[in-house]
Amino acid sequence: MIRLCAFLGNFGKEYHNHRHNVAWLFLESTRIGAELQWSSKFKGKIAQADLGPETAYFLKPHTFMNLSGESVIEAARFYRCKPEEILVVHDELEMQFGAFGYKFSGGLGGHNGLRSLERHLGTRDFWRLRFGIGRPDHDDIAGYVLSPFTGEQLDFLTTKVFPEAEKTFYALFSEGIEGFEVRYKKVLSISP
């Protein structure tokens, strides 16, 4: 059962539409995202909602991406969440743009936010909802993830990708981990 959802990103208007902030863009696009009542706590913003049999907590760390684990571990300790009860929503270089998918545990793929989470949680064994941003055709990875989506890409995310991901997101809470893992085992991909 997922009890804590951590949406990784960078705080500040200048980062809003950046690829590294795709998790925040997804949350903002959802029905539940518009209804959440946020408060400042755990080095970020926290809210709660009843999406299943137990209350789920939603966290937007304001530590910047590379220190996300500091925020997540504080919330996890406070709510007594085990790592396997945490869903981390983040950008994924190794998935094509337009793809999204869930997985449990696995590698870090050079993602500094995930590296920070592993360092603070002491494990990689947490759930992930990954949104593909694609890999650039140059070596400036930092510049790429900290650059904005194009208008066309943003439109595709908000009209095609995010609505499909939102359906699976709610299913995660209504069906539970066991049924969900089988149903959404493969990465879903929507071609632009």
Protein backbone atom coordinates (compact mmCIF):
# COMPACT_ATOMS: atom_id res chain seq x y z
CA MET A 1 0.00 0.00 0.00
CA ILE A 2 1.32 3.44 -0.94
CA ARG A 3 1.10 5.94 1.92
CA LEU A 4 3.54 8.67 0.84
CA CYS A 5 3.88 10.13 -2.67
CA ALA A 6 6.95 12.29 -3.23
CA PHE A 7 6.94 14.45 -6.35
CA LEU A 8 10.52 15.42 -7.16
CA GLY A 9 11.36 18.78 -8.68
CA ASN A 10 13.02 22.15 -8.15
CA PHE A 11 11.27 24.92 -6.27
CA GLY A 12 10.93 28.32 -7.95
CA LYS A 13 9.11 29.89 -10.89
CA GLU A 14 12.23 29.75 -13.04
CA TYR A 15 12.13 25.92 -12.92
CA HIS A 16 8.39 25.45 -13.39
CA ASN A 17 8.25 24.02 -16.92
CA HIS A 18 11.65 22.31 -16.83
CA ARG A 19 12.07 18.64 -17.65
CA HIS A 20 13.31 17.97 -14.10
CA ASN A 21 9.92 19.24 -12.85
CA VAL A 22 7.72 16.88 -14.87
CA ALA A 23 6.48 15.28 -11.61
CA TRP A 24 5.18 18.64 -10.36
CA LEU A 25 3.61 19.37 -13.75
CA PHE A 26 1.85 16.00 -13.59
CA LEU A 27 0.50 16.65 -10.09
CA GLU A 28 -0.74 20.12 -11.09
CA SER A 29 -2.63 18.60 -14.02
CA THR A 30 -4.58 16.11 -11.91
CA ARG A 31 -7.96 16.47 -10.25
CA ILE A 32 -6.49 15.63 -6.86
CA GLY A 33 -3.66 18.14 -7.37
CA ALA A 34 -6.18 20.96 -7.62
CA GLU A 35 -7.96 19.84 -4.43
CA LEU A 36 -5.00 19.36 -2.09
CA GLN A 37 -4.54 21.77 0.81
CA TRP A 38 -0.80 22.30 1.25
CA SER A 39 1.11 23.22 4.39
CA SER A 40 4.83 23.85 4.92
CA LYS A 41 6.60 21.00 6.66
CA PHE A 42 9.43 18.50 6.15
CA LYS A 43 11.51 20.99 4.11
CA GLY A 44 8.72 21.16 1.55
CA LYS A 45 4.97 21.21 1.08
CA ILE A 46 2.76 18.41 2.42
CA ALA A 47 -0.91 17.56 1.87
CA GLN A 48 -3.16 14.59 2.43
CA ALA A 49 -6.07 12.90 0.68
CA ASP A 50 -8.24 9.82 1.05
CA LEU A 51 -7.81 7.88 -2.19
CA GLY A 52 -8.09 4.39 -0.76
CA PRO A 53 -8.52 2.58 2.53
CA GLU A 54 -5.87 4.75 4.23
CA THR A 55 -4.91 8.41 4.06
CA ALA A 56 -2.23 9.16 1.48
CA TYR A 57 0.31 11.94 1.97
CA PHE A 58 1.62 14.06 -0.88
CA LEU A 59 5.03 15.73 -0.61
CA LYS A 60 6.75 18.31 -2.80
CA PRO A 61 10.31 18.70 -1.46
CA HIS A 62 11.64 22.26 -1.56
CA THR A 63 15.23 21.18 -1.02
CA PHE A 64 16.03 21.20 -4.73
CA MET A 65 16.36 17.92 -6.60
CA ASN A 66 19.80 16.86 -5.36
CA LEU A 67 18.70 16.96 -1.69
CA SER A 68 15.21 15.46 -2.08
CA GLY A 69 16.01 12.67 0.34
CA GLU A 70 16.25 15.13 3.24
CA SER A 71 12.59 16.04 2.82
CA VAL A 72 11.34 12.52 2.10
CA ILE A 73 13.05 10.91 5.10
CA GLU A 74 11.56 13.51 7.47
CA ALA A 75 8.04 12.84 6.18
CA ALA A 76 8.57 9.06 6.13
CA ARG A 77 9.73 9.05 9.74
CA PHE A 78 6.90 11.30 10.90
CA TYR A 79 4.19 9.18 9.23
CA ARG A 80 6.04 5.92 9.95
CA CYS A 81 6.16 4.93 6.27
CA LYS A 82 8.34 2.05 5.20
CA PRO A 83 10.34 2.57 1.98
CA GLU A 84 8.05 0.11 0.14
CA GLU A 85 5.08 2.36 1.06
CA ILE A 86 6.63 5.33 -0.77
CA LEU A 87 5.96 6.26 -4.40
CA VAL A 88 8.51 8.64 -5.93
CA VAL A 89 7.39 10.49 -9.07
CA HIS A 90 10.28 11.72 -11.22
CA ASP A 91 11.71 12.40 -14.67
CA GLU A 92 13.52 9.59 -16.48
CA LEU A 93 16.23 10.17 -19.10
CA GLU A 94 16.29 6.52 -20.13
CA MET A 95 12.66 6.52 -21.28
CA GLN A 96 11.47 8.17 -24.47
CA PHE A 97 9.45 11.33 -24.20
CA GLY A 98 5.77 10.44 -23.88
CA ALA A 99 6.37 7.18 -22.00
CA PHE A 100 5.54 6.62 -18.36
CA GLY A 101 5.62 3.60 -16.15
CA TYR A 102 5.88 2.17 -12.66
CA LYS A 103 8.60 0.06 -11.15
CA PHE A 104 9.78 -1.09 -7.76
CA SER A 105 13.42 -0.61 -6.78
CA GLY A 106 16.14 -0.78 -9.43
CA GLY A 107 19.03 1.42 -10.50
CA LEU A 108 19.42 5.14 -10.11
CA GLY A 109 20.24 6.00 -13.73
CA GLY A 110 22.43 8.92 -12.66
CA HIS A 111 19.40 10.68 -11.15
CA ASN A 112 20.62 12.81 -8.25
CA GLY A 113 17.20 12.99 -6.64
CA LEU A 114 17.01 9.18 -6.49
CA ARG A 115 20.60 9.05 -5.24
CA SER A 116 19.65 11.38 -2.38
CA LEU A 117 16.65 9.19 -1.55
CA GLU A 118 18.78 6.06 -1.43
CA ARG A 119 21.30 7.79 0.83
CA HIS A 120 18.64 8.91 3.33
CA LEU A 121 16.30 5.90 3.18
CA GLY A 122 19.16 3.43 3.15
CA THR A 123 17.63 1.49 0.26
CA ARG A 124 16.46 1.66 -3.35
CA ASP A 125 13.40 -0.41 -2.50
CA PHE A 126 10.67 2.16 -3.06
CA TRP A 127 8.10 2.53 -5.83
CA ARG A 128 8.63 4.87 -8.76
CA LEU A 129 6.38 6.52 -11.30
CA ARG A 130 8.72 7.58 -14.08
CA PHE A 131 7.95 10.06 -16.85
CA GLY A 132 10.17 9.76 -19.90
CA ILE A 133 11.91 12.94 -20.97
CA GLY A 134 14.26 11.26 -23.45
CA ARG A 135 18.02 11.54 -23.63
CA PRO A 136 19.54 14.56 -25.43
CA ASP A 137 21.85 14.14 -28.42
CA HIS A 138 24.63 15.99 -26.55
CA ASP A 139 26.59 15.51 -23.31
CA ASP A 140 25.14 18.42 -21.32
CA ILE A 141 22.71 16.35 -19.23
CA ALA A 142 22.41 18.98 -16.48
CA GLY A 143 21.60 21.68 -19.02
CA TYR A 144 19.04 19.40 -20.65
CA VAL A 145 17.09 18.45 -17.51
CA LEU A 146 17.17 22.09 -16.39
CA SER A 147 15.75 23.34 -19.68
CA PRO A 148 12.04 23.85 -20.36
CA PHE A 149 9.79 21.65 -22.42
CA THR A 150 8.72 23.18 -25.72
CA GLY A 151 5.14 24.43 -25.98
CA GLU A 152 4.32 21.46 -28.21
CA GLN A 153 5.77 19.03 -25.65
CA LEU A 154 3.85 20.65 -22.79
CA ASP A 155 0.64 20.41 -24.78
CA PHE A 156 1.27 16.74 -25.52
CA LEU A 157 1.98 16.00 -21.85
CA THR A 158 -1.13 17.77 -20.58
CA THR A 159 -3.54 16.44 -23.22
CA LYS A 160 -2.24 12.91 -23.82
CA VAL A 161 0.29 11.61 -21.28
CA PHE A 162 -0.88 13.05 -17.97
CA PRO A 163 -4.55 12.05 -18.35
CA GLU A 164 -3.53 8.42 -18.97
CA ALA A 165 -1.05 8.49 -16.10
CA GLU A 166 -3.69 9.99 -13.81
CA LYS A 167 -5.99 7.01 -14.41
CA THR A 168 -3.27 4.58 -13.38
CA PHE A 169 -2.35 6.76 -10.40
CA TYR A 170 -5.84 6.48 -8.91
CA ALA A 171 -5.91 2.77 -9.69
CA LEU A 172 -2.82 2.33 -7.56
CA PHE A 173 -4.77 3.42 -4.49
CA SER A 174 -8.06 1.68 -5.28
CA GLU A 175 -6.56 -1.67 -6.33
CA GLY A 176 -3.59 -1.90 -3.99
CA ILE A 177 -0.05 -2.89 -4.86
CA GLU A 178 -0.65 -6.56 -5.59
CA GLY A 179 -3.27 -6.19 -8.32
CA PHE A 180 -1.70 -3.02 -9.60
CA GLU A 181 1.75 -4.49 -10.13
CA VAL A 182 0.36 -7.16 -12.45
CA ARG A 183 -1.93 -4.83 -14.36
CA TYR A 184 0.63 -2.08 -15.01
CA LYS A 185 3.83 -4.09 -15.14
CA LYS A 186 4.95 -2.79 -18.52
CA VAL A 187 5.87 0.79 -19.29
CA LEU A 188 3.09 2.59 -21.11
CA SER A 189 4.14 4.65 -24.10
CA ILE A 190 2.20 7.21 -26.06
CA SER A 191 3.85 8.32 -29.29
CA PRO A 192 3.89 12.07 -29.88
